[in-house]
Amino acid sequence: MIIPTKHQKLNENIIPIGAEIITSVRRKPKLVEDLFNEFKEAYKETHIDNFFLTLVFLWLIGAIKMEGDLITYK
């Protein structure tokens, strides 16, 4: 679910995860692997699927651009 509820953990929601990803790639374009390693450190209790769902969401709304393995801020 995109909109958080009072019963959902924020580390499982794509909005805060997406904010972290955008903040990270805004500073410097990153490889998917490096970005995932940052994600693992920040969100230890969440599942890898949340990372990939967030990447797809950010790409669909036009916030990020993927060129090969490199992710950049649009």
N, C-alpha and C. Protein backbone atom coordinates (compact mmCIF):
# COMPACT_ATOMS: atom_id res chain seq x y z
N MET A 1 0.83 -1.18 0.00
CA MET A 1 0.00 0.00 0.00
C MET A 1 0.88 1.25 0.00
N ILE A 2 0.52 2.23 -0.76
CA ILE A 2 1.32 3.44 -0.86
C ILE A 2 1.07 4.37 0.32
N ILE A 3 -0.17 4.56 0.71
CA ILE A 3 -0.49 5.46 1.80
C ILE A 3 -0.32 4.71 3.13
N PRO A 4 0.54 5.22 4.02
CA PRO A 4 0.74 4.52 5.28
C PRO A 4 -0.48 4.64 6.19
N THR A 5 -0.70 3.60 6.97
CA THR A 5 -1.76 3.62 7.97
C THR A 5 -1.10 3.54 9.34
N LYS A 6 -1.88 3.71 10.39
CA LYS A 6 -1.29 3.67 11.73
C LYS A 6 -0.86 2.26 12.13
N HIS A 7 -1.27 1.26 11.35
CA HIS A 7 -0.94 -0.11 11.67
C HIS A 7 0.25 -0.63 10.85
N GLN A 8 0.74 0.15 9.94
CA GLN A 8 1.82 -0.30 9.07
C GLN A 8 3.15 0.31 9.51
N LYS A 9 4.19 -0.48 9.45
CA LYS A 9 5.53 0.01 9.78
C LYS A 9 6.04 0.86 8.62
N LEU A 10 6.67 1.97 8.94
CA LEU A 10 7.16 2.87 7.89
C LEU A 10 8.29 2.25 7.08
N ASN A 11 9.03 1.31 7.67
CA ASN A 11 10.12 0.70 6.91
C ASN A 11 9.61 -0.32 5.90
N GLU A 12 8.31 -0.54 5.84
CA GLU A 12 7.71 -1.43 4.85
C GLU A 12 6.93 -0.67 3.79
N ASN A 13 6.93 0.65 3.88
CA ASN A 13 6.16 1.47 2.96
C ASN A 13 7.08 2.10 1.92
N ILE A 14 6.61 2.18 0.68
CA ILE A 14 7.48 2.66 -0.39
C ILE A 14 7.70 4.18 -0.38
N ILE A 15 6.89 4.93 0.34
CA ILE A 15 7.10 6.39 0.38
C ILE A 15 8.38 6.75 1.14
N PRO A 16 8.57 6.30 2.38
CA PRO A 16 9.83 6.64 3.06
C PRO A 16 11.05 5.98 2.41
N ILE A 17 10.88 4.76 1.90
CA ILE A 17 11.99 4.10 1.21
C ILE A 17 12.34 4.89 -0.05
N GLY A 18 11.33 5.34 -0.78
CA GLY A 18 11.56 6.14 -1.98
C GLY A 18 12.25 7.46 -1.67
N ALA A 19 11.90 8.07 -0.55
CA ALA A 19 12.55 9.32 -0.15
C ALA A 19 14.03 9.10 0.10
N GLU A 20 14.37 7.99 0.73
CA GLU A 20 15.78 7.66 0.98
C GLU A 20 16.52 7.43 -0.33
N ILE A 21 15.89 6.71 -1.25
CA ILE A 21 16.52 6.42 -2.53
C ILE A 21 16.74 7.70 -3.33
N ILE A 22 15.73 8.57 -3.37
CA ILE A 22 15.86 9.83 -4.10
C ILE A 22 16.95 10.70 -3.49
N THR A 23 17.00 10.77 -2.16
CA THR A 23 18.04 11.54 -1.49
C THR A 23 19.42 11.02 -1.84
N SER A 24 19.56 9.72 -1.90
CA SER A 24 20.85 9.11 -2.19
C SER A 24 21.29 9.34 -3.64
N VAL A 25 20.40 9.14 -4.59
CA VAL A 25 20.80 9.29 -6.00
C VAL A 25 20.82 10.75 -6.44
N ARG A 26 20.21 11.64 -5.68
CA ARG A 26 20.26 13.06 -6.00
C ARG A 26 21.68 13.58 -5.80
N ARG A 27 22.37 13.06 -4.78
CA ARG A 27 23.75 13.46 -4.53
C ARG A 27 24.69 12.95 -5.62
N LYS A 28 24.50 11.67 -5.99
CA LYS A 28 25.41 11.04 -6.96
C LYS A 28 24.70 9.83 -7.56
N PRO A 29 24.70 9.68 -8.89
CA PRO A 29 24.13 8.46 -9.49
C PRO A 29 24.83 7.23 -8.95
N LYS A 30 24.06 6.17 -8.75
CA LYS A 30 24.60 4.97 -8.12
C LYS A 30 24.23 3.72 -8.89
N LEU A 31 25.07 2.71 -8.71
CA LEU A 31 24.75 1.40 -9.23
C LEU A 31 23.66 0.77 -8.39
N VAL A 32 22.87 -0.10 -9.00
CA VAL A 32 21.78 -0.75 -8.27
C VAL A 32 22.33 -1.49 -7.07
N GLU A 33 23.44 -2.17 -7.23
CA GLU A 33 24.03 -2.94 -6.14
C GLU A 33 24.44 -2.04 -4.97
N ASP A 34 25.06 -0.90 -5.26
CA ASP A 34 25.46 0.02 -4.19
C ASP A 34 24.25 0.60 -3.48
N LEU A 35 23.24 0.94 -4.25
CA LEU A 35 22.01 1.47 -3.66
C LEU A 35 21.33 0.43 -2.79
N PHE A 36 21.34 -0.82 -3.23
CA PHE A 36 20.75 -1.88 -2.43
C PHE A 36 21.52 -2.10 -1.13
N ASN A 37 22.84 -2.00 -1.18
CA ASN A 37 23.63 -2.14 0.05
C ASN A 37 23.30 -1.03 1.05
N GLU A 38 23.09 0.19 0.58
CA GLU A 38 22.65 1.28 1.46
C GLU A 38 21.27 0.97 2.04
N PHE A 39 20.40 0.44 1.20
CA PHE A 39 19.05 0.08 1.63
C PHE A 39 19.08 -0.96 2.74
N LYS A 40 19.93 -1.97 2.58
CA LYS A 40 20.03 -3.03 3.58
C LYS A 40 20.48 -2.48 4.93
N GLU A 41 21.39 -1.51 4.91
CA GLU A 41 21.87 -0.93 6.16
C GLU A 41 20.79 -0.08 6.84
N ALA A 42 20.04 0.68 6.05
CA ALA A 42 19.03 1.57 6.62
C ALA A 42 17.75 0.83 7.03
N TYR A 43 17.38 -0.20 6.30
CA TYR A 43 16.12 -0.92 6.54
C TYR A 43 16.41 -2.40 6.76
N LYS A 44 16.96 -2.73 7.90
CA LYS A 44 17.37 -4.10 8.17
C LYS A 44 16.20 -5.07 8.32
N GLU A 45 15.06 -4.58 8.77
CA GLU A 45 13.93 -5.45 9.06
C GLU A 45 12.97 -5.64 7.89
N THR A 46 13.19 -4.98 6.79
CA THR A 46 12.26 -5.07 5.67
C THR A 46 12.75 -6.05 4.62
N HIS A 47 11.89 -6.35 3.69
CA HIS A 47 12.16 -7.37 2.67
C HIS A 47 12.72 -6.73 1.41
N ILE A 48 13.50 -7.49 0.65
CA ILE A 48 14.11 -7.02 -0.59
C ILE A 48 13.06 -6.60 -1.61
N ASP A 49 11.89 -7.22 -1.57
CA ASP A 49 10.83 -6.87 -2.50
C ASP A 49 10.42 -5.41 -2.37
N ASN A 50 10.46 -4.88 -1.15
CA ASN A 50 10.11 -3.47 -0.95
C ASN A 50 11.08 -2.55 -1.68
N PHE A 51 12.35 -2.93 -1.72
CA PHE A 51 13.34 -2.14 -2.45
C PHE A 51 13.01 -2.11 -3.94
N PHE A 52 12.75 -3.26 -4.52
CA PHE A 52 12.49 -3.32 -5.95
C PHE A 52 11.13 -2.70 -6.31
N LEU A 53 10.14 -2.87 -5.47
CA LEU A 53 8.85 -2.22 -5.70
C LEU A 53 8.99 -0.70 -5.66
N THR A 54 9.83 -0.22 -4.76
CA THR A 54 10.07 1.22 -4.67
C THR A 54 10.78 1.74 -5.90
N LEU A 55 11.77 0.99 -6.40
CA LEU A 55 12.46 1.40 -7.63
C LEU A 55 11.49 1.47 -8.80
N VAL A 56 10.64 0.49 -8.92
CA VAL A 56 9.66 0.47 -10.01
C VAL A 56 8.70 1.65 -9.87
N PHE A 57 8.23 1.92 -8.66
CA PHE A 57 7.33 3.04 -8.42
C PHE A 57 7.99 4.37 -8.79
N LEU A 58 9.23 4.57 -8.34
CA LEU A 58 9.94 5.82 -8.64
C LEU A 58 10.17 5.97 -10.14
N TRP A 59 10.45 4.87 -10.82
CA TRP A 59 10.64 4.92 -12.26
C TRP A 59 9.33 5.24 -12.97
N LEU A 60 8.23 4.64 -12.51
CA LEU A 60 6.93 4.88 -13.14
C LEU A 60 6.47 6.33 -13.02
N ILE A 61 6.75 6.95 -11.88
CA ILE A 61 6.33 8.35 -11.71
C ILE A 61 7.34 9.33 -12.28
N GLY A 62 8.45 8.81 -12.82
CA GLY A 62 9.43 9.66 -13.47
C GLY A 62 10.41 10.33 -12.53
N ALA A 63 10.57 9.81 -11.34
CA ALA A 63 11.50 10.42 -10.38
C ALA A 63 12.94 9.96 -10.60
N ILE A 64 13.11 8.75 -11.11
CA ILE A 64 14.45 8.24 -11.37
C ILE A 64 14.54 7.73 -12.81
N LYS A 65 15.76 7.61 -13.27
CA LYS A 65 16.02 7.09 -14.60
C LYS A 65 17.02 5.97 -14.45
N MET A 66 16.80 4.87 -15.15
CA MET A 66 17.71 3.73 -15.09
C MET A 66 18.40 3.58 -16.43
N GLU A 67 19.71 3.62 -16.41
CA GLU A 67 20.51 3.42 -17.61
C GLU A 67 21.47 2.28 -17.33
N GLY A 68 21.11 1.09 -17.75
CA GLY A 68 21.90 -0.08 -17.42
C GLY A 68 21.74 -0.39 -15.95
N ASP A 69 22.85 -0.42 -15.22
CA ASP A 69 22.81 -0.64 -13.78
C ASP A 69 22.87 0.66 -12.99
N LEU A 70 22.97 1.79 -13.67
CA LEU A 70 23.11 3.08 -13.00
C LEU A 70 21.75 3.75 -12.82
N ILE A 71 21.50 4.22 -11.61
CA ILE A 71 20.24 4.90 -11.30
C ILE A 71 20.56 6.36 -11.06
N THR A 72 19.85 7.24 -11.77
CA THR A 72 20.05 8.68 -11.63
C THR A 72 18.74 9.36 -11.31
N TYR A 73 18.84 10.56 -10.73
CA TYR A 73 17.66 11.37 -10.43
C TYR A 73 17.29 12.15 -11.66
N LYS A 74 16.02 12.18 -11.98
CA LYS A 74 15.55 12.91 -13.17
C LYS A 74 15.30 14.35 -12.89
